[in-house]
Amino acid sequence: MILRGLIVILSLAGLADALYFTFAYYGRVKNARWVPEVLCAREGSSCLAVVRTAYGSVFGAPNSLVGILYYVLLIGWAAGGQGMGLEFPLGMHSFLITFKDLLLAASAVTVALGFYLVFALRRILHADCPLCYAAHAINLALLALLIVVR
């Protein structure tokens, strides 16, 4: 139960980060006084510039918009605790794919994409983005927790 609580807390932090970047992507973050300047809140900062590059929308939609869906699903699963799944027959046997299995796969893809995006951030864009790093660290921690939690 404690691990699921950690998943909810980390997912809420990731959700806040994803919401910030979604607002930034759509041009709704300009001189945001409510966000400390060290966290990229000013127009022209590296973080706001990053979301406007091709790397800000790898799947055709803003990465942060996909992230919002990902974090909401994680929160729902961790808070609900239901073991939903789909059973697939395979010859004389069948196998079950649970919602947690799907979240685990999505989390692994998210972390792999995160490594690529950090590489692009540092080596291609030559930018520094603390909120980007925070999001990728959260995703890595969530993957580890999903591996451990039953």
Protein backbone atom coordinates (compact mmCIF):
# COMPACT_ATOMS: atom_id res chain seq x y z
CA MET A 1 0.00 0.00 0.00
CA ILE A 2 2.91 2.36 0.72
CA LEU A 3 4.35 1.77 -2.74
CA ARG A 4 1.03 2.57 -4.38
CA GLY A 5 0.93 5.78 -2.32
CA LEU A 6 4.38 6.68 -3.64
CA ILE A 7 3.15 6.02 -7.16
CA VAL A 8 0.23 8.40 -6.58
CA ILE A 9 2.52 11.11 -5.15
CA LEU A 10 5.07 10.81 -7.96
CA SER A 11 2.28 10.71 -10.55
CA LEU A 12 0.77 13.90 -9.11
CA ALA A 13 4.19 15.59 -9.37
CA GLY A 14 4.53 14.32 -12.94
CA LEU A 15 1.02 15.49 -13.72
CA ALA A 16 1.81 18.99 -12.45
CA ASP A 17 4.96 19.03 -14.60
CA ALA A 18 3.04 17.78 -17.66
CA LEU A 19 0.31 20.38 -17.15
CA TYR A 20 2.93 23.14 -16.95
CA PHE A 21 4.57 21.97 -20.19
CA THR A 22 1.20 21.61 -21.92
CA PHE A 23 0.36 25.21 -21.03
CA ALA A 24 3.83 26.22 -22.23
CA TYR A 25 3.37 24.31 -25.50
CA TYR A 26 0.15 26.19 -26.22
CA GLY A 27 1.71 29.54 -25.30
CA ARG A 28 -0.09 30.00 -21.99
CA VAL A 29 3.06 30.43 -19.86
CA LYS A 30 4.49 33.90 -20.15
CA ASN A 31 6.23 35.54 -17.24
CA ALA A 32 4.52 33.15 -14.85
CA ARG A 33 5.26 34.72 -11.48
CA TRP A 34 3.78 31.72 -9.68
CA VAL A 35 6.64 29.47 -10.83
CA PRO A 36 10.15 30.16 -9.50
CA GLU A 37 12.48 31.46 -12.22
CA VAL A 38 14.92 28.60 -11.59
CA LEU A 39 12.18 26.28 -12.90
CA CYS A 40 12.03 27.89 -16.35
CA ALA A 41 9.07 30.20 -15.87
CA ARG A 42 10.26 33.06 -18.03
CA GLU A 43 9.63 33.62 -21.73
CA GLY A 44 12.72 32.72 -23.73
CA SER A 45 13.97 30.20 -21.16
CA SER A 46 15.36 26.85 -22.26
CA CYS A 47 12.34 24.94 -20.98
CA LEU A 48 9.85 26.98 -22.92
CA ALA A 49 12.07 26.80 -26.02
CA VAL A 50 12.35 23.00 -25.74
CA VAL A 51 8.60 22.40 -26.01
CA ARG A 52 8.55 24.35 -29.26
CA THR A 53 11.07 22.06 -30.97
CA ALA A 54 10.37 18.84 -32.87
CA TYR A 55 11.34 16.96 -29.70
CA GLY A 56 8.40 18.51 -27.84
CA SER A 57 5.94 16.37 -29.79
CA VAL A 58 7.46 13.00 -30.59
CA PHE A 59 4.13 11.18 -31.03
CA GLY A 60 2.37 13.90 -33.03
CA ALA A 61 0.79 15.38 -29.91
CA PRO A 62 2.74 17.34 -27.33
CA ASN A 63 4.72 14.92 -25.14
CA SER A 64 3.23 16.60 -22.09
CA LEU A 65 -0.32 15.94 -23.30
CA VAL A 66 0.48 12.23 -23.61
CA GLY A 67 2.09 12.52 -20.17
CA ILE A 68 -1.12 13.86 -18.66
CA LEU A 69 -2.98 10.75 -19.84
CA TYR A 70 -0.17 8.51 -18.56
CA TYR A 71 -0.13 10.07 -15.08
CA VAL A 72 -3.92 10.07 -14.76
CA LEU A 73 -4.01 6.35 -15.63
CA LEU A 74 -1.26 5.64 -13.10
CA ILE A 75 -3.10 7.57 -10.39
CA GLY A 76 -6.34 5.74 -11.18
CA TRP A 77 -4.66 2.36 -11.05
CA ALA A 78 -2.63 3.04 -7.90
CA ALA A 79 -5.55 4.59 -6.03
CA GLY A 80 -8.12 2.06 -7.25
CA GLY A 81 -6.07 -1.08 -6.85
CA GLN A 82 -8.26 -3.09 -9.19
CA GLY A 83 -6.60 -5.98 -11.01
CA MET A 84 -8.37 -5.59 -14.35
CA GLY A 85 -7.04 -7.55 -17.27
CA LEU A 86 -7.70 -9.23 -20.59
CA GLU A 87 -7.44 -12.97 -21.07
CA PHE A 88 -6.20 -14.26 -24.40
CA PRO A 89 -6.57 -17.92 -25.43
CA LEU A 90 -3.50 -19.52 -26.97
CA GLY A 91 -4.08 -23.12 -27.94
CA MET A 92 -4.82 -25.16 -24.82
CA HIS A 93 -3.66 -22.33 -22.57
CA SER A 94 -4.49 -18.70 -22.09
CA PHE A 95 -2.59 -15.75 -20.77
CA LEU A 96 -3.72 -12.70 -18.88
CA ILE A 97 -2.55 -9.18 -19.58
CA THR A 98 -3.39 -6.96 -16.64
CA PHE A 99 -3.80 -3.20 -16.60
CA LYS A 100 -0.63 -3.08 -14.51
CA ASP A 101 1.22 -4.96 -17.29
CA LEU A 102 0.07 -2.32 -19.77
CA LEU A 103 1.16 0.47 -17.43
CA LEU A 104 4.51 -1.23 -16.93
CA ALA A 105 5.02 -1.44 -20.70
CA ALA A 106 3.98 2.21 -21.12
CA SER A 107 6.35 3.17 -18.32
CA ALA A 108 9.26 1.33 -19.96
CA VAL A 109 8.55 3.12 -23.26
CA THR A 110 8.33 6.42 -21.38
CA VAL A 111 11.73 5.88 -19.75
CA ALA A 112 13.34 4.81 -23.04
CA LEU A 113 11.90 7.90 -24.73
CA GLY A 114 13.15 9.95 -21.79
CA PHE A 115 16.73 8.81 -22.36
CA TYR A 116 16.41 9.84 -26.00
CA LEU A 117 14.93 13.22 -25.07
CA VAL A 118 17.64 13.93 -22.49
CA PHE A 119 20.24 13.06 -25.14
CA ALA A 120 18.55 15.42 -27.59
CA LEU A 121 18.27 18.10 -24.94
CA ARG A 122 21.95 17.99 -24.02
CA ARG A 123 23.68 16.99 -27.28
CA ILE A 124 21.45 18.34 -30.05
CA LEU A 125 19.64 21.33 -28.56
CA HIS A 126 22.42 22.22 -26.07
CA ALA A 127 19.76 23.31 -23.61
CA ASP A 128 19.28 22.92 -19.89
CA CYS A 129 15.81 22.23 -18.54
CA PRO A 130 15.41 21.37 -14.85
CA LEU A 131 11.72 20.55 -15.22
CA CYS A 132 12.52 18.17 -18.08
CA TYR A 133 15.06 16.39 -15.92
CA ALA A 134 12.56 16.24 -13.07
CA ALA A 135 9.93 14.65 -15.32
CA HIS A 136 12.38 12.02 -16.59
CA ALA A 137 13.55 11.23 -13.05
CA ILE A 138 9.92 10.85 -11.94
CA ASN A 139 9.28 8.48 -14.84
CA LEU A 140 12.32 6.37 -13.96
CA ALA A 141 11.20 6.17 -10.32
CA LEU A 142 7.68 5.20 -11.42
CA LEU A 143 9.07 2.41 -13.58
CA ALA A 144 11.07 1.06 -10.64
CA LEU A 145 8.00 1.19 -8.38
CA LEU A 146 5.81 -0.53 -10.96
CA ILE A 147 8.36 -3.33 -11.22
CA VAL A 148 8.37 -3.80 -7.43
CA VAL A 149 4.68 -3.32 -6.56
CA ARG A 150 2.33 -6.32 -6.63
